[in-house]
């Protein structure tokens, strides 16, 4: 059985990615930290990471 809260999070995540694509006028790949498994790619992401909005 599917958790309704998880379904809502997935829908918002995809909607956010779609909105970014429309705003930027290009295709984007939106990832969470847990999705990055390649250690070399993760190191590069960590090196080039920039805070856009800080809570």
PDB file of N, CA and C in Angstrom:
ATOM      1  N   UNK A   1       0.840  -1.187   0.000  1.00  0.00           N
ATOM      2  CA  UNK A   1       0.000   0.000   0.000  1.00  0.00           C
ATOM      3  C   UNK A   1       0.883   1.247   0.000  1.00  0.00           C
ATOM      4  N   UNK A   2       0.501   2.207  -0.793  1.00  0.00           N
ATOM      5  CA  UNK A   2       1.254   3.435  -0.945  1.00  0.00           C
ATOM      6  C   UNK A   2       0.950   4.429   0.156  1.00  0.00           C
ATOM      7  N   UNK A   3       1.981   5.104   0.634  1.00  0.00           N
ATOM      8  CA  UNK A   3       1.821   6.139   1.639  1.00  0.00           C
ATOM      9  C   UNK A   3       1.403   7.431   0.932  1.00  0.00           C
ATOM     10  N   UNK A   4       0.211   7.978   1.244  1.00  0.00           N
ATOM     11  CA  UNK A   4      -0.246   9.205   0.564  1.00  0.00           C
ATOM     12  C   UNK A   4       0.710  10.371   0.729  1.00  0.00           C
ATOM     13  N   UNK A   5       1.379  10.454   1.876  1.00  0.00           N
ATOM     14  CA  UNK A   5       2.321  11.553   2.099  1.00  0.00           C
ATOM     15  C   UNK A   5       3.504  11.439   1.148  1.00  0.00           C
ATOM     16  N   UNK A   6       4.014  10.220   0.929  1.00  0.00           N
ATOM     17  CA  UNK A   6       5.128  10.021   0.003  1.00  0.00           C
ATOM     18  C   UNK A   6       4.708  10.370  -1.418  1.00  0.00           C
ATOM     19  N   UNK A   7       3.495  10.021  -1.796  1.00  0.00           N
ATOM     20  CA  UNK A   7       2.998  10.350  -3.136  1.00  0.00           C
ATOM     21  C   UNK A   7       2.949  11.861  -3.324  1.00  0.00           C
ATOM     22  N   UNK A   8       2.564  12.589  -2.290  1.00  0.00           N
ATOM     23  CA  UNK A   8       2.518  14.045  -2.372  1.00  0.00           C
ATOM     24  C   UNK A   8       3.899  14.654  -2.516  1.00  0.00           C
ATOM     25  N   UNK A   9       4.872  14.087  -1.827  1.00  0.00           N
ATOM     26  CA  UNK A   9       6.249  14.571  -1.922  1.00  0.00           C
ATOM     27  C   UNK A   9       6.779  14.334  -3.329  1.00  0.00           C
ATOM     28  N   UNK A  10       6.536  13.158  -3.872  1.00  0.00           N
ATOM     29  CA  UNK A  10       7.001  12.842  -5.228  1.00  0.00           C
ATOM     30  C   UNK A  10       6.358  13.776  -6.252  1.00  0.00           C
ATOM     31  N   UNK A  11       5.074  14.029  -6.094  1.00  0.00           N
ATOM     32  CA  UNK A  11       4.371  14.924  -7.025  1.00  0.00           C
ATOM     33  C   UNK A  11       4.947  16.332  -6.949  1.00  0.00           C
ATOM     34  N   UNK A  12       5.214  16.821  -5.731  1.00  0.00           N
ATOM     35  CA  UNK A  12       5.784  18.172  -5.585  1.00  0.00           C
ATOM     36  C   UNK A  12       7.199  18.240  -6.140  1.00  0.00           C
ATOM     37  N   UNK A  13       7.980  17.185  -5.939  1.00  0.00           N
ATOM     38  CA  UNK A  13       9.350  17.130  -6.460  1.00  0.00           C
ATOM     39  C   UNK A  13       9.331  17.238  -7.986  1.00  0.00           C
ATOM     40  N   UNK A  14       8.469  16.445  -8.626  1.00  0.00           N
ATOM     41  CA  UNK A  14       8.374  16.484 -10.096  1.00  0.00           C
ATOM     42  C   UNK A  14       7.828  17.813 -10.586  1.00  0.00           C
ATOM     43  N   UNK A  15       6.865  18.353  -9.880  1.00  0.00           N
ATOM     44  CA  UNK A  15       6.303  19.649 -10.257  1.00  0.00           C
ATOM     45  C   UNK A  15       7.356  20.751 -10.134  1.00  0.00           C
ATOM     46  N   UNK A  16       8.178  20.687  -9.092  1.00  0.00           N
ATOM     47  CA  UNK A  16       9.257  21.651  -8.906  1.00  0.00           C
ATOM     48  C   UNK A  16      10.255  21.563 -10.060  1.00  0.00           C
ATOM     49  N   UNK A  17      10.619  20.340 -10.448  1.00  0.00           N
ATOM     50  CA  UNK A  17      11.548  20.147 -11.566  1.00  0.00           C
ATOM     51  C   UNK A  17      10.953  20.707 -12.856  1.00  0.00           C
ATOM     52  N   UNK A  18       9.668  20.441 -13.098  1.00  0.00           N
ATOM     53  CA  UNK A  18       9.006  20.974 -14.298  1.00  0.00           C
ATOM     54  C   UNK A  18       8.992  22.499 -14.291  1.00  0.00           C
ATOM     55  N   UNK A  19       8.713  23.081 -13.134  1.00  0.00           N
ATOM     56  CA  UNK A  19       8.685  24.549 -13.028  1.00  0.00           C
ATOM     57  C   UNK A  19      10.066  25.147 -13.293  1.00  0.00           C
ATOM     58  N   UNK A  20      11.116  24.502 -12.776  1.00  0.00           N
ATOM     59  CA  UNK A  20      12.474  24.986 -13.038  1.00  0.00           C
ATOM     60  C   UNK A  20      12.801  24.921 -14.522  1.00  0.00           C
ATOM     61  N   UNK A  21      12.397  23.841 -15.187  1.00  0.00           N
ATOM     62  CA  UNK A  21      12.646  23.727 -16.624  1.00  0.00           C
ATOM     63  C   UNK A  21      11.959  24.855 -17.387  1.00  0.00           C
ATOM     64  N   UNK A  22      10.720  25.153 -17.024  1.00  0.00           N
ATOM     65  CA  UNK A  22      10.008  26.247 -17.693  1.00  0.00           C
ATOM     66  C   UNK A  22      10.676  27.585 -17.411  1.00  0.00           C
ATOM     67  N   UNK A  23      11.068  27.814 -16.188  1.00  0.00           N
ATOM     68  CA  UNK A  23      11.702  29.068 -15.804  1.00  0.00           C
ATOM     69  C   UNK A  23      13.037  29.265 -16.507  1.00  0.00           C
ATOM     70  N   UNK A  24      13.843  28.201 -16.565  1.00  0.00           N
ATOM     71  CA  UNK A  24      15.185  28.299 -17.135  1.00  0.00           C
ATOM     72  C   UNK A  24      15.212  28.065 -18.643  1.00  0.00           C
ATOM     73  N   UNK A  25      14.123  27.531 -19.187  1.00  0.00           N
ATOM     74  CA  UNK A  25      14.054  27.293 -20.623  1.00  0.00           C
ATOM     75  C   UNK A  25      14.974  26.187 -21.097  1.00  0.00           C
ATOM     76  N   UNK A  26      15.265  25.229 -20.220  1.00  0.00           N
ATOM     77  CA  UNK A  26      16.140  24.117 -20.584  1.00  0.00           C
ATOM     78  C   UNK A  26      15.832  22.919 -19.702  1.00  0.00           C
ATOM     79  N   UNK A  27      16.265  21.757 -20.142  1.00  0.00           N
ATOM     80  CA  UNK A  27      16.060  20.525 -19.397  1.00  0.00           C
ATOM     81  C   UNK A  27      16.991  20.508 -18.186  1.00  0.00           C
ATOM     82  N   UNK A  28      16.480  20.055 -17.067  1.00  0.00           N
ATOM     83  CA  UNK A  28      17.306  19.951 -15.862  1.00  0.00           C
ATOM     84  C   UNK A  28      17.172  18.553 -15.275  1.00  0.00           C
ATOM     85  N   UNK A  29      18.162  18.145 -14.512  1.00  0.00           N
ATOM     86  CA  UNK A  29      18.116  16.923 -13.728  1.00  0.00           C
ATOM     87  C   UNK A  29      18.168  17.351 -12.271  1.00  0.00           C
ATOM     88  N   UNK A  30      17.081  17.150 -11.574  1.00  0.00           N
ATOM     89  CA  UNK A  30      16.991  17.533 -10.174  1.00  0.00           C
ATOM     90  C   UNK A  30      17.263  16.291  -9.325  1.00  0.00           C
ATOM     91  N   UNK A  31      18.280  16.369  -8.484  1.00  0.00           N
ATOM     92  CA  UNK A  31      18.692  15.228  -7.670  1.00  0.00           C
ATOM     93  C   UNK A  31      18.654  15.569  -6.199  1.00  0.00           C
ATOM     94  N   UNK A  32      18.450  14.544  -5.392  1.00  0.00           N
ATOM     95  CA  UNK A  32      18.644  14.680  -3.956  1.00  0.00           C
ATOM     96  C   UNK A  32      20.005  14.064  -3.640  1.00  0.00           C
ATOM     97  N   UNK A  33      20.549  14.365  -2.472  1.00  0.00           N
ATOM     98  CA  UNK A  33      21.854  13.800  -2.102  1.00  0.00           C
ATOM     99  C   UNK A  33      21.834  12.282  -2.128  1.00  0.00           C
ATOM    100  N   UNK A  34      20.733  11.688  -1.698  1.00  0.00           N
ATOM    101  CA  UNK A  34      20.638  10.223  -1.649  1.00  0.00           C
ATOM    102  C   UNK A  34      20.696   9.593  -3.035  1.00  0.00           C
ATOM    103  N   UNK A  35      20.364  10.354  -4.079  1.00  0.00           N
ATOM    104  CA  UNK A  35      20.372   9.826  -5.442  1.00  0.00           C
ATOM    105  C   UNK A  35      21.780   9.740  -6.029  1.00  0.00           C
ATOM    106  N   UNK A  36      22.734  10.446  -5.455  1.00  0.00           N
ATOM    107  CA  UNK A  36      24.090  10.481  -5.998  1.00  0.00           C
ATOM    108  C   UNK A  36      24.914   9.384  -5.342  1.00  0.00           C
ATOM    109  N   UNK A  37      25.222   8.338  -6.111  1.00  0.00           N
ATOM    110  CA  UNK A  37      25.959   7.202  -5.568  1.00  0.00           C
ATOM    111  C   UNK A  37      27.409   7.154  -6.044  1.00  0.00           C
ATOM    112  N   UNK A  38      27.697   7.763  -7.169  1.00  0.00           N
ATOM    113  CA  UNK A  38      29.057   7.758  -7.691  1.00  0.00           C
ATOM    114  C   UNK A  38      29.913   8.698  -6.838  1.00  0.00           C
ATOM    115  N   UNK A  39      30.952   8.173  -6.174  1.00  0.00           N
ATOM    116  CA  UNK A  39      31.738   9.022  -5.268  1.00  0.00           C
ATOM    117  C   UNK A  39      32.479  10.156  -5.973  1.00  0.00           C
ATOM    118  N   UNK A  40      32.884   9.965  -7.228  1.00  0.00           N
ATOM    119  CA  UNK A  40      33.584  11.020  -7.966  1.00  0.00           C
ATOM    120  C   UNK A  40      32.616  12.155  -8.321  1.00  0.00           C
ATOM    121  N   UNK A  41      31.413  11.775  -8.754  1.00  0.00           N
ATOM    122  CA  UNK A  41      30.398  12.772  -9.076  1.00  0.00           C
ATOM    123  C   UNK A  41      29.971  13.515  -7.804  1.00  0.00           C
ATOM    124  N   UNK A  42      29.797  12.764  -6.701  1.00  0.00           N
ATOM    125  CA  UNK A  42      29.410  13.391  -5.431  1.00  0.00           C
ATOM    126  C   UNK A  42      30.467  14.398  -4.978  1.00  0.00           C
ATOM    127  N   UNK A  43      31.740  14.038  -5.124  1.00  0.00           N
ATOM    128  CA  UNK A  43      32.818  14.958  -4.733  1.00  0.00           C
ATOM    129  C   UNK A  43      32.765  16.239  -5.569  1.00  0.00           C
ATOM    130  N   UNK A  44      32.491  16.121  -6.853  1.00  0.00           N
ATOM    131  CA  UNK A  44      32.411  17.299  -7.720  1.00  0.00           C
ATOM    132  C   UNK A  44      31.199  18.153  -7.358  1.00  0.00           C
ATOM    133  N   UNK A  45      30.085  17.505  -7.077  1.00  0.00           N
ATOM    134  CA  UNK A  45      28.890  18.248  -6.668  1.00  0.00           C
ATOM    135  C   UNK A  45      29.171  18.991  -5.364  1.00  0.00           C
ATOM    136  N   UNK A  46      29.774  18.306  -4.400  1.00  0.00           N
ATOM    137  CA  UNK A  46      30.103  18.946  -3.121  1.00  0.00           C
ATOM    138  C   UNK A  46      31.064  20.123  -3.310  1.00  0.00           C
ATOM    139  N   UNK A  47      32.026  19.972  -4.213  1.00  0.00           N
ATOM    140  CA  UNK A  47      32.996  21.030  -4.472  1.00  0.00           C
ATOM    141  C   UNK A  47      32.358  22.266  -5.096  1.00  0.00           C
ATOM    142  N   UNK A  48      31.392  22.053  -5.977  1.00  0.00           N
ATOM    143  CA  UNK A  48      30.819  23.177  -6.723  1.00  0.00           C
ATOM    144  C   UNK A  48      29.467  23.652  -6.168  1.00  0.00           C
ATOM    145  N   UNK A  49      29.048  23.099  -5.058  1.00  0.00           N
ATOM    146  CA  UNK A  49      27.750  23.429  -4.466  1.00  0.00           C
ATOM    147  C   UNK A  49      27.696  24.886  -4.039  1.00  0.00           C
ATOM    148  N   UNK A  50      26.550  25.532  -4.277  1.00  0.00           N
ATOM    149  CA  UNK A  50      26.320  26.915  -3.850  1.00  0.00           C
ATOM    150  C   UNK A  50      24.979  26.997  -3.137  1.00  0.00           C
ATOM    151  N   UNK A  51      24.942  27.684  -2.020  1.00  0.00           N
ATOM    152  CA  UNK A  51      23.688  27.891  -1.310  1.00  0.00           C
ATOM    153  C   UNK A  51      22.898  28.955  -2.063  1.00  0.00           C
ATOM    154  N   UNK A  52      21.654  28.625  -2.407  1.00  0.00           N
ATOM    155  CA  UNK A  52      20.806  29.570  -3.118  1.00  0.00           C
ATOM    156  C   UNK A  52      19.872  30.261  -2.127  1.00  0.00           C
ATOM    157  N   UNK A  53      19.245  29.466  -1.273  1.00  0.00           N
ATOM    158  CA  UNK A  53      18.367  30.008  -0.247  1.00  0.00           C
ATOM    159  C   UNK A  53      18.695  29.277   1.043  1.00  0.00           C
ATOM    160  N   UNK A  54      18.963  30.009   2.090  1.00  0.00           N
ATOM    161  CA  UNK A  54      19.263  29.390   3.378  1.00  0.00           C
ATOM    162  C   UNK A  54      18.158  29.719   4.359  1.00  0.00           C
ATOM    163  N   UNK A  55      17.649  28.677   4.987  1.00  0.00           N
ATOM    164  CA  UNK A  55      16.513  28.869   5.919  1.00  0.00           C
ATOM    165  C   UNK A  55      16.981  29.418   7.241  1.00  0.00           C
TER     166      UNK A  55
END
